[in-house]
């Protein structure tokens, strides 16, 4: 993320992708649909949505779905992320997603949005200042 600044990002395009994929979420238990759009270093957008399971521990969040899809497509460097929820104000990623995102892009700019057009922006280090350091 060396010289990318948030103004270098087409946030409208990224938000639209997150909002669109949010509509594909499988959330029959929580009814909390989430969409994520991850911008790669090549300006490709990789999307993901949450997929719930009646055994809640098996649920996969939208952000981790997007990261998994991006990694499977050969991407490891990310410029930005948009997350779309129905919450007001728009909800940030959960702790597991923050840890996963930190693995790849600790300074990731993140846009949170909802269908009403509300927006909040953060840098991942603001949302997750003390990641697991590990061995």
N, C-alpha and C. Protein backbone atom coordinates (compact mmCIF):
# COMPACT_ATOMS: atom_id res chain seq x y z
N UNK A 1 0.82 -1.19 0.00
CA UNK A 1 0.00 0.00 0.00
C UNK A 1 0.86 1.24 0.00
N UNK A 2 2.06 1.15 -0.43
CA UNK A 2 3.07 2.19 -0.29
C UNK A 2 2.61 3.59 -0.62
N UNK A 3 2.17 3.86 -1.83
CA UNK A 3 1.83 5.25 -2.19
C UNK A 3 0.37 5.44 -2.56
N UNK A 4 -0.48 4.54 -2.15
CA UNK A 4 -1.91 4.67 -2.42
C UNK A 4 -2.54 5.47 -1.29
N UNK A 5 -3.28 6.48 -1.65
CA UNK A 5 -4.02 7.26 -0.66
C UNK A 5 -5.50 7.06 -0.92
N UNK A 6 -6.33 7.27 0.08
CA UNK A 6 -7.76 7.07 -0.11
C UNK A 6 -8.36 7.85 -1.27
N UNK A 7 -7.80 8.98 -1.63
CA UNK A 7 -8.38 9.73 -2.76
C UNK A 7 -8.00 9.11 -4.11
N UNK A 8 -7.07 8.15 -4.10
CA UNK A 8 -6.72 7.44 -5.33
C UNK A 8 -7.74 6.34 -5.66
N UNK A 9 -8.67 6.11 -4.78
CA UNK A 9 -9.62 5.01 -4.90
C UNK A 9 -10.95 5.52 -5.47
N UNK A 10 -11.53 4.73 -6.38
CA UNK A 10 -12.88 5.03 -6.86
C UNK A 10 -13.87 4.45 -5.84
N UNK A 11 -14.11 5.20 -4.78
CA UNK A 11 -14.95 4.72 -3.68
C UNK A 11 -16.37 4.43 -4.12
N UNK A 12 -16.91 5.20 -5.07
CA UNK A 12 -18.28 4.95 -5.54
C UNK A 12 -18.38 3.59 -6.21
N UNK A 13 -17.41 3.25 -7.02
CA UNK A 13 -17.38 1.95 -7.70
C UNK A 13 -17.25 0.81 -6.68
N UNK A 14 -16.39 0.99 -5.71
CA UNK A 14 -16.18 -0.04 -4.70
C UNK A 14 -17.43 -0.20 -3.83
N UNK A 15 -18.04 0.91 -3.43
CA UNK A 15 -19.26 0.85 -2.63
C UNK A 15 -20.39 0.18 -3.41
N UNK A 16 -20.51 0.50 -4.68
CA UNK A 16 -21.57 -0.12 -5.51
C UNK A 16 -21.39 -1.63 -5.59
N UNK A 17 -20.15 -2.08 -5.71
CA UNK A 17 -19.88 -3.52 -5.78
C UNK A 17 -20.24 -4.20 -4.46
N UNK A 18 -19.92 -3.56 -3.34
CA UNK A 18 -20.25 -4.12 -2.02
C UNK A 18 -21.76 -4.17 -1.80
N UNK A 19 -22.44 -3.11 -2.19
CA UNK A 19 -23.90 -3.08 -2.05
C UNK A 19 -24.57 -4.12 -2.93
N UNK A 20 -24.05 -4.29 -4.14
CA UNK A 20 -24.64 -5.29 -5.05
C UNK A 20 -24.47 -6.71 -4.52
N UNK A 21 -23.27 -7.06 -4.08
CA UNK A 21 -23.04 -8.42 -3.61
C UNK A 21 -23.74 -8.67 -2.28
N UNK A 22 -23.99 -7.63 -1.52
CA UNK A 22 -24.75 -7.77 -0.27
C UNK A 22 -26.10 -8.44 -0.53
N UNK A 23 -26.70 -8.14 -1.66
CA UNK A 23 -27.98 -8.73 -2.03
C UNK A 23 -27.91 -10.22 -2.29
N UNK A 24 -26.72 -10.77 -2.40
CA UNK A 24 -26.55 -12.21 -2.65
C UNK A 24 -26.23 -12.98 -1.37
N UNK A 25 -26.12 -12.27 -0.26
CA UNK A 25 -25.77 -12.91 1.01
C UNK A 25 -26.79 -13.98 1.39
N UNK A 26 -26.31 -14.99 2.10
CA UNK A 26 -27.17 -16.04 2.63
C UNK A 26 -27.21 -15.84 4.14
N UNK A 27 -28.27 -15.20 4.62
CA UNK A 27 -28.37 -14.84 6.03
C UNK A 27 -29.76 -15.15 6.59
N UNK A 28 -30.19 -16.43 6.51
CA UNK A 28 -31.54 -16.77 6.96
C UNK A 28 -31.72 -16.74 8.47
N UNK A 29 -30.64 -16.69 9.24
CA UNK A 29 -30.75 -16.73 10.70
C UNK A 29 -30.66 -15.33 11.31
N UNK A 30 -29.67 -14.58 10.93
CA UNK A 30 -29.51 -13.23 11.49
C UNK A 30 -30.26 -12.18 10.68
N UNK A 31 -30.49 -12.47 9.41
CA UNK A 31 -31.09 -11.50 8.48
C UNK A 31 -30.20 -10.24 8.36
N UNK A 32 -28.92 -10.40 8.64
CA UNK A 32 -27.95 -9.30 8.56
C UNK A 32 -27.04 -9.58 7.37
N UNK A 33 -27.46 -9.06 6.22
CA UNK A 33 -26.71 -9.30 4.98
C UNK A 33 -25.54 -8.34 4.88
N UNK A 34 -24.38 -8.88 4.50
CA UNK A 34 -23.16 -8.07 4.39
C UNK A 34 -22.52 -8.35 3.04
N UNK A 35 -22.05 -7.30 2.41
CA UNK A 35 -21.29 -7.42 1.17
C UNK A 35 -19.95 -6.75 1.33
N UNK A 36 -18.93 -7.31 0.71
CA UNK A 36 -17.58 -6.73 0.78
C UNK A 36 -16.99 -6.69 -0.61
N UNK A 37 -16.31 -5.59 -0.91
CA UNK A 37 -15.62 -5.43 -2.19
C UNK A 37 -14.18 -5.03 -1.89
N UNK A 38 -13.27 -5.88 -2.31
CA UNK A 38 -11.85 -5.70 -2.03
C UNK A 38 -11.16 -5.27 -3.32
N UNK A 39 -10.43 -4.19 -3.26
CA UNK A 39 -9.71 -3.67 -4.43
C UNK A 39 -8.29 -4.19 -4.40
N UNK A 40 -7.89 -4.89 -5.46
CA UNK A 40 -6.54 -5.44 -5.53
C UNK A 40 -5.56 -4.39 -6.03
N UNK A 41 -4.29 -4.72 -5.94
CA UNK A 41 -3.25 -3.81 -6.42
C UNK A 41 -3.36 -3.56 -7.92
N UNK A 42 -4.04 -4.45 -8.65
CA UNK A 42 -4.24 -4.30 -10.10
C UNK A 42 -5.56 -3.62 -10.43
N UNK A 43 -6.21 -3.04 -9.43
CA UNK A 43 -7.50 -2.38 -9.57
C UNK A 43 -8.63 -3.32 -9.97
N UNK A 44 -8.46 -4.60 -9.67
CA UNK A 44 -9.55 -5.56 -9.83
C UNK A 44 -10.37 -5.54 -8.55
N UNK A 45 -11.67 -5.71 -8.68
CA UNK A 45 -12.53 -5.79 -7.50
C UNK A 45 -12.93 -7.24 -7.31
N UNK A 46 -12.69 -7.74 -6.10
CA UNK A 46 -13.09 -9.10 -5.73
C UNK A 46 -14.13 -8.95 -4.63
N UNK A 47 -15.26 -9.61 -4.80
CA UNK A 47 -16.36 -9.44 -3.85
C UNK A 47 -16.59 -10.68 -3.02
N UNK A 48 -17.29 -10.48 -1.92
CA UNK A 48 -17.70 -11.59 -1.07
C UNK A 48 -18.94 -11.18 -0.28
N UNK A 49 -19.72 -12.16 0.11
CA UNK A 49 -20.89 -11.91 0.95
C UNK A 49 -20.88 -12.92 2.09
N UNK A 50 -21.63 -12.61 3.15
CA UNK A 50 -21.67 -13.55 4.25
C UNK A 50 -22.53 -14.75 3.90
N UNK A 51 -22.11 -15.90 4.41
CA UNK A 51 -22.81 -17.16 4.20
C UNK A 51 -22.99 -17.79 5.57
N UNK A 52 -24.23 -17.75 6.06
CA UNK A 52 -24.51 -18.27 7.39
C UNK A 52 -24.75 -19.78 7.37
N UNK A 53 -24.71 -20.33 8.57
CA UNK A 53 -25.00 -21.73 8.77
C UNK A 53 -25.75 -21.86 10.09
N UNK A 54 -26.63 -22.82 10.19
CA UNK A 54 -27.39 -22.96 11.45
C UNK A 54 -26.46 -23.27 12.62
N UNK A 55 -25.29 -23.81 12.35
CA UNK A 55 -24.25 -23.92 13.36
C UNK A 55 -23.40 -22.66 13.21
N UNK A 56 -23.71 -21.64 14.01
CA UNK A 56 -23.19 -20.29 13.78
C UNK A 56 -21.68 -20.22 13.61
N UNK A 57 -20.95 -21.09 14.26
CA UNK A 57 -19.49 -21.09 14.13
C UNK A 57 -19.00 -21.39 12.72
N UNK A 58 -19.87 -21.96 11.90
CA UNK A 58 -19.50 -22.27 10.52
C UNK A 58 -19.81 -21.12 9.57
N UNK A 59 -20.41 -20.07 10.08
CA UNK A 59 -20.72 -18.90 9.25
C UNK A 59 -19.43 -18.25 8.77
N UNK A 60 -19.44 -17.79 7.53
CA UNK A 60 -18.28 -17.10 6.96
C UNK A 60 -18.71 -15.67 6.63
N UNK A 61 -17.92 -14.72 7.09
CA UNK A 61 -18.22 -13.31 6.87
C UNK A 61 -17.89 -12.88 5.45
N UNK A 62 -18.51 -11.79 5.03
CA UNK A 62 -18.30 -11.26 3.68
C UNK A 62 -16.84 -10.88 3.43
N UNK A 63 -16.22 -10.24 4.41
CA UNK A 63 -14.84 -9.79 4.24
C UNK A 63 -13.89 -10.97 4.04
N UNK A 64 -14.06 -12.02 4.84
CA UNK A 64 -13.20 -13.20 4.71
C UNK A 64 -13.50 -13.96 3.43
N UNK A 65 -14.76 -13.94 2.99
CA UNK A 65 -15.08 -14.56 1.71
C UNK A 65 -14.36 -13.83 0.57
N UNK A 66 -14.35 -12.50 0.63
CA UNK A 66 -13.66 -11.71 -0.40
C UNK A 66 -12.16 -11.97 -0.37
N UNK A 67 -11.57 -12.02 0.81
CA UNK A 67 -10.13 -12.29 0.91
C UNK A 67 -9.82 -13.68 0.36
N UNK A 68 -10.61 -14.67 0.73
CA UNK A 68 -10.39 -16.03 0.23
C UNK A 68 -10.49 -16.11 -1.28
N UNK A 69 -11.48 -15.44 -1.85
CA UNK A 69 -11.64 -15.43 -3.30
C UNK A 69 -10.46 -14.73 -3.98
N UNK A 70 -10.01 -13.63 -3.37
CA UNK A 70 -8.88 -12.89 -3.93
C UNK A 70 -7.60 -13.73 -3.90
N UNK A 71 -7.36 -14.37 -2.78
CA UNK A 71 -6.16 -15.21 -2.66
C UNK A 71 -6.23 -16.36 -3.65
N UNK A 72 -7.41 -16.98 -3.79
CA UNK A 72 -7.57 -18.07 -4.75
C UNK A 72 -7.34 -17.61 -6.19
N UNK A 73 -7.59 -16.33 -6.45
CA UNK A 73 -7.36 -15.77 -7.80
C UNK A 73 -5.92 -15.28 -7.98
N UNK A 74 -5.10 -15.41 -6.93
CA UNK A 74 -3.70 -15.04 -7.04
C UNK A 74 -3.35 -13.66 -6.51
N UNK A 75 -4.28 -12.99 -5.86
CA UNK A 75 -4.02 -11.65 -5.32
C UNK A 75 -3.62 -11.74 -3.86
N UNK A 76 -2.63 -10.94 -3.48
CA UNK A 76 -2.18 -10.89 -2.09
C UNK A 76 -2.03 -9.45 -1.58
N UNK A 77 -2.10 -8.49 -2.47
CA UNK A 77 -1.92 -7.09 -2.10
C UNK A 77 -3.20 -6.32 -2.40
N UNK A 78 -3.69 -5.62 -1.39
CA UNK A 78 -4.97 -4.95 -1.51
C UNK A 78 -4.85 -3.46 -1.24
N UNK A 79 -5.61 -2.68 -2.00
CA UNK A 79 -5.59 -1.22 -1.90
C UNK A 79 -6.69 -0.66 -1.01
N UNK A 80 -7.86 -1.30 -1.02
CA UNK A 80 -9.00 -0.75 -0.29
C UNK A 80 -10.09 -1.79 -0.14
N UNK A 81 -11.00 -1.52 0.77
CA UNK A 81 -12.13 -2.40 1.02
C UNK A 81 -13.37 -1.56 1.26
N UNK A 82 -14.48 -1.98 0.69
CA UNK A 82 -15.79 -1.39 1.02
C UNK A 82 -16.64 -2.51 1.63
N UNK A 83 -17.33 -2.18 2.70
CA UNK A 83 -18.22 -3.13 3.37
C UNK A 83 -19.61 -2.51 3.43
N UNK A 84 -20.60 -3.26 2.98
CA UNK A 84 -21.98 -2.78 2.96
C UNK A 84 -22.84 -3.60 3.92
N UNK A 85 -23.52 -2.91 4.82
CA UNK A 85 -24.46 -3.53 5.74
C UNK A 85 -25.73 -2.69 5.74
N UNK A 86 -26.74 -3.15 6.46
CA UNK A 86 -27.97 -2.36 6.59
C UNK A 86 -27.94 -1.48 7.84
N UNK A 87 -26.92 -1.62 8.66
CA UNK A 87 -26.84 -0.90 9.92
C UNK A 87 -26.69 0.61 9.70
N UNK A 88 -27.18 1.36 10.69
CA UNK A 88 -27.01 2.81 10.69
C UNK A 88 -26.52 3.20 12.08
N UNK A 89 -25.29 3.67 12.18
CA UNK A 89 -24.31 3.88 11.12
C UNK A 89 -23.81 2.54 10.57
N UNK A 90 -23.21 2.56 9.37
CA UNK A 90 -22.71 1.32 8.76
C UNK A 90 -21.73 0.59 9.68
N UNK A 91 -21.89 -0.72 9.77
CA UNK A 91 -21.11 -1.53 10.71
C UNK A 91 -19.73 -1.89 10.17
N UNK A 92 -18.74 -1.92 11.06
CA UNK A 92 -17.38 -2.31 10.68
C UNK A 92 -17.22 -3.83 10.67
N UNK A 93 -16.12 -4.32 10.14
CA UNK A 93 -15.84 -5.75 10.16
C UNK A 93 -15.70 -6.28 11.59
N UNK A 94 -16.00 -7.56 11.76
CA UNK A 94 -15.85 -8.19 13.07
C UNK A 94 -14.36 -8.41 13.36
N UNK A 95 -14.06 -8.89 14.55
CA UNK A 95 -12.68 -9.11 14.96
C UNK A 95 -11.94 -10.12 14.10
N UNK A 96 -12.59 -11.24 13.76
CA UNK A 96 -11.92 -12.23 12.91
C UNK A 96 -11.59 -11.65 11.55
N UNK A 97 -12.50 -10.86 11.02
CA UNK A 97 -12.24 -10.24 9.71
C UNK A 97 -11.11 -9.22 9.80
N UNK A 98 -11.08 -8.46 10.88
CA UNK A 98 -10.01 -7.48 11.06
C UNK A 98 -8.66 -8.18 11.12
N UNK A 99 -8.60 -9.29 11.84
CA UNK A 99 -7.35 -10.06 11.93
C UNK A 99 -6.96 -10.60 10.56
N UNK A 100 -7.92 -11.09 9.80
CA UNK A 100 -7.63 -11.62 8.46
C UNK A 100 -7.15 -10.52 7.54
N UNK A 101 -7.82 -9.39 7.55
CA UNK A 101 -7.42 -8.26 6.69
C UNK A 101 -6.04 -7.76 7.06
N UNK A 102 -5.73 -7.73 8.36
CA UNK A 102 -4.44 -7.25 8.83
C UNK A 102 -3.30 -8.12 8.30
N UNK A 103 -3.57 -9.38 8.11
CA UNK A 103 -2.57 -10.31 7.58
C UNK A 103 -2.04 -9.84 6.22
N UNK A 104 -2.90 -9.22 5.45
CA UNK A 104 -2.56 -8.82 4.08
C UNK A 104 -2.30 -7.33 3.91
N UNK A 105 -3.00 -6.49 4.66
CA UNK A 105 -2.91 -5.04 4.43
C UNK A 105 -3.20 -4.27 5.71
N UNK A 106 -2.21 -4.14 6.60
CA UNK A 106 -2.45 -3.49 7.88
C UNK A 106 -2.92 -2.04 7.78
N UNK A 107 -2.56 -1.35 6.72
CA UNK A 107 -2.96 0.05 6.54
C UNK A 107 -4.11 0.21 5.55
N UNK A 108 -4.91 -0.81 5.40
CA UNK A 108 -5.99 -0.84 4.42
C UNK A 108 -7.02 0.25 4.69
N UNK A 109 -7.30 1.11 3.70
CA UNK A 109 -8.41 2.05 3.84
C UNK A 109 -9.74 1.29 3.69
N UNK A 110 -10.68 1.59 4.57
CA UNK A 110 -11.96 0.87 4.58
C UNK A 110 -13.11 1.87 4.54
N UNK A 111 -14.02 1.64 3.62
CA UNK A 111 -15.26 2.41 3.54
C UNK A 111 -16.39 1.53 4.03
N UNK A 112 -17.17 2.03 4.97
CA UNK A 112 -18.37 1.35 5.45
C UNK A 112 -19.56 2.11 4.88
N UNK A 113 -20.52 1.38 4.34
CA UNK A 113 -21.68 2.03 3.72
C UNK A 113 -22.93 1.21 3.98
N UNK A 114 -24.07 1.79 3.62
CA UNK A 114 -25.35 1.09 3.71
C UNK A 114 -26.24 1.55 2.56
N UNK A 115 -27.37 0.88 2.36
CA UNK A 115 -28.25 1.26 1.24
C UNK A 115 -28.81 2.68 1.33
N UNK A 116 -28.81 3.27 2.52
CA UNK A 116 -29.31 4.63 2.67
C UNK A 116 -28.27 5.67 2.25
N UNK A 117 -27.08 5.22 1.90
CA UNK A 117 -26.04 6.13 1.44
C UNK A 117 -25.13 6.68 2.52
N UNK A 118 -25.31 6.23 3.75
CA UNK A 118 -24.40 6.66 4.81
C UNK A 118 -23.02 6.06 4.55
N UNK A 119 -21.99 6.82 4.90
CA UNK A 119 -20.62 6.35 4.71
C UNK A 119 -19.76 6.75 5.89
N UNK A 120 -18.86 5.83 6.23
CA UNK A 120 -17.83 6.07 7.24
C UNK A 120 -16.53 5.52 6.68
N UNK A 121 -15.42 6.18 6.95
CA UNK A 121 -14.14 5.69 6.47
C UNK A 121 -13.16 5.54 7.63
N UNK A 122 -12.33 4.52 7.49
CA UNK A 122 -11.33 4.20 8.49
C UNK A 122 -10.09 3.66 7.79
N UNK A 123 -9.02 3.58 8.53
CA UNK A 123 -7.86 2.79 8.13
C UNK A 123 -7.87 1.61 9.09
N UNK A 124 -7.54 0.43 8.59
CA UNK A 124 -7.63 -0.77 9.40
C UNK A 124 -6.89 -0.63 10.74
N UNK A 125 -5.76 0.03 10.75
CA UNK A 125 -5.02 0.19 12.01
C UNK A 125 -5.81 0.98 13.05
N UNK A 126 -6.74 1.84 12.60
CA UNK A 126 -7.61 2.55 13.54
C UNK A 126 -8.63 1.60 14.16
N UNK A 127 -9.14 0.69 13.36
CA UNK A 127 -10.13 -0.28 13.84
C UNK A 127 -9.49 -1.42 14.60
N UNK A 128 -8.22 -1.68 14.32
CA UNK A 128 -7.55 -2.86 14.87
C UNK A 128 -6.10 -2.52 15.21
N UNK A 129 -5.90 -1.76 16.29
CA UNK A 129 -4.57 -1.26 16.60
C UNK A 129 -3.58 -2.29 17.16
N UNK A 130 -4.07 -3.40 17.69
CA UNK A 130 -3.19 -4.38 18.33
C UNK A 130 -3.43 -5.79 17.78
N UNK A 131 -2.99 -6.08 16.53
CA UNK A 131 -3.21 -7.41 15.97
C UNK A 131 -2.34 -8.47 16.67
N UNK A 132 -2.71 -9.70 16.50
CA UNK A 132 -1.94 -10.83 17.03
C UNK A 132 -0.55 -10.83 16.40
N UNK A 133 0.47 -10.90 17.20
CA UNK A 133 1.85 -10.86 16.70
C UNK A 133 2.37 -12.24 16.33
N UNK A 134 1.95 -13.23 17.08
CA UNK A 134 2.33 -14.62 16.79
C UNK A 134 3.82 -14.89 16.83
N UNK A 135 4.16 -16.13 16.55
CA UNK A 135 5.57 -16.53 16.57
C UNK A 135 6.33 -16.02 15.36
